[in-house]
Every structure is written in C-alpha cells, then in structure tokens.
C-alpha cells in the first residue's frame, strides 16, 4: 500500500447543488483510514466475522469505504438497490 499512499483511488461526482463538474477525490490512504474507523464502529456495535451488514445508497466513495470496512471485519456485505 505504501506505493499508492497519497494517490487518488476514487473520484465521484458531488451531488447537486454543487457545480456539475465538481468531484470528490479520495486517496488510498484516506479510504484505508476511513475504513478502519468504520470497521471499529461496526465492531463496537456488534458486527462480527460472518455477520451480515446491509449497505444501501447510490454508488459513492462512502459505499466503497463501507464495503472495505465490512470486509476488514470478515463480515458479509448485503447490498440494496438504491432504485427500489
């Protein structure tokens, strides 16, 4: 991971009312740090290895962080279609 530290991993549009071309850029180390914090919070709230965690919403940097955090715990992400 050291060779990717500081490099942009994710780039996603910022929802309206932001400028049409506005984007959020998140680096590999930011995703890692956010995922570790979320994984710690999930563990504090009872998520364990093999447990299922529902992830809903549109594709976003937050979605990737949630997916990564769940896997760090050995839990299973269960995805909801945000258009349902």
Protein backbone atom coordinates (compact mmCIF):
# COMPACT_ATOMS: atom_id res chain seq x y z
CA UNK A 1 0.00 0.00 0.00
CA UNK A 2 2.92 2.33 0.61
CA UNK A 3 3.48 2.85 -3.12
CA UNK A 4 -0.14 4.03 -3.51
CA UNK A 5 -0.24 6.28 -0.45
CA UNK A 6 -1.42 9.73 -1.48
CA UNK A 7 -2.62 8.60 -4.92
CA UNK A 8 -6.28 9.09 -5.80
CA UNK A 9 -8.23 5.84 -5.51
CA UNK A 10 -11.75 7.17 -6.01
CA UNK A 11 -13.28 10.10 -7.82
CA UNK A 12 -17.02 10.59 -7.72
CA UNK A 13 -19.43 13.39 -8.60
CA UNK A 14 -20.67 15.63 -5.81
CA UNK A 15 -24.50 15.78 -5.82
CA UNK A 16 -26.41 18.94 -6.68
CA UNK A 17 -26.45 21.81 -5.84
CA UNK A 18 -22.67 21.51 -6.40
CA UNK A 19 -21.23 22.52 -9.75
CA UNK A 20 -21.91 19.94 -12.48
CA UNK A 21 -18.19 19.12 -12.76
CA UNK A 22 -17.43 19.09 -9.01
CA UNK A 23 -15.89 15.82 -7.83
CA UNK A 24 -14.78 14.29 -4.57
CA UNK A 25 -11.30 12.75 -4.73
CA UNK A 26 -10.26 10.23 -2.09
CA UNK A 27 -6.77 8.74 -1.81
CA UNK A 28 -5.86 5.14 -0.98
CA UNK A 29 -4.70 6.11 2.50
CA UNK A 30 -7.90 8.10 3.15
CA UNK A 31 -10.03 5.09 2.17
CA UNK A 32 -7.91 2.89 4.42
CA UNK A 33 -8.20 5.27 7.40
CA UNK A 34 -11.96 5.79 6.94
CA UNK A 35 -12.49 2.04 6.56
CA UNK A 36 -10.58 1.28 9.76
CA UNK A 37 -12.64 3.84 11.69
CA UNK A 38 -15.91 2.46 10.30
CA UNK A 39 -14.81 -1.14 10.98
CA UNK A 40 -14.07 -0.19 14.61
CA UNK A 41 -17.51 1.42 14.92
CA UNK A 42 -19.20 -1.63 13.37
CA UNK A 43 -17.36 -3.94 15.79
CA UNK A 44 -18.37 -1.75 18.76
CA UNK A 45 -21.96 -2.13 17.56
CA UNK A 46 -21.90 -5.91 17.39
CA UNK A 47 -20.77 -6.78 13.87
CA UNK A 48 -18.59 -9.90 13.91
CA UNK A 49 -16.94 -12.22 11.40
CA UNK A 50 -19.59 -13.86 9.24
CA UNK A 51 -22.22 -11.30 10.25
CA UNK A 52 -24.28 -9.63 7.55
CA UNK A 53 -24.33 -5.86 7.10
CA UNK A 54 -26.79 -4.12 4.78
CA UNK A 55 -25.31 -1.40 2.56
CA UNK A 56 -27.71 0.86 0.71
CA UNK A 57 -27.43 4.00 -1.34
CA UNK A 58 -26.03 5.21 -4.61
CA UNK A 59 -22.52 4.47 -5.81
CA UNK A 60 -20.20 6.80 -3.91
CA UNK A 61 -16.92 6.96 -2.08
CA UNK A 62 -18.84 6.18 1.13
CA UNK A 63 -20.14 2.99 -0.43
CA UNK A 64 -16.57 1.81 -1.15
CA UNK A 65 -15.48 2.69 2.38
CA UNK A 66 -18.41 0.70 3.83
CA UNK A 67 -17.64 -2.30 1.59
CA UNK A 68 -13.98 -2.23 2.64
CA UNK A 69 -14.76 -1.84 6.36
CA UNK A 70 -17.17 -4.77 6.31
CA UNK A 71 -14.57 -6.98 4.67
CA UNK A 72 -11.90 -5.91 7.16
CA UNK A 73 -14.10 -7.48 9.86
CA UNK A 74 -14.69 -10.65 7.85
CA UNK A 75 -18.38 -9.81 7.69
CA UNK A 76 -20.62 -10.10 4.63
CA UNK A 77 -21.95 -7.02 2.82
CA UNK A 78 -25.57 -7.30 1.67
CA UNK A 79 -26.36 -4.71 -0.96
CA UNK A 80 -29.65 -2.93 -1.51
CA UNK A 81 -30.51 -1.46 -4.88
CA UNK A 82 -30.97 2.28 -4.31
CA UNK A 83 -33.56 2.46 -7.10
CA UNK A 84 -36.02 0.09 -5.40
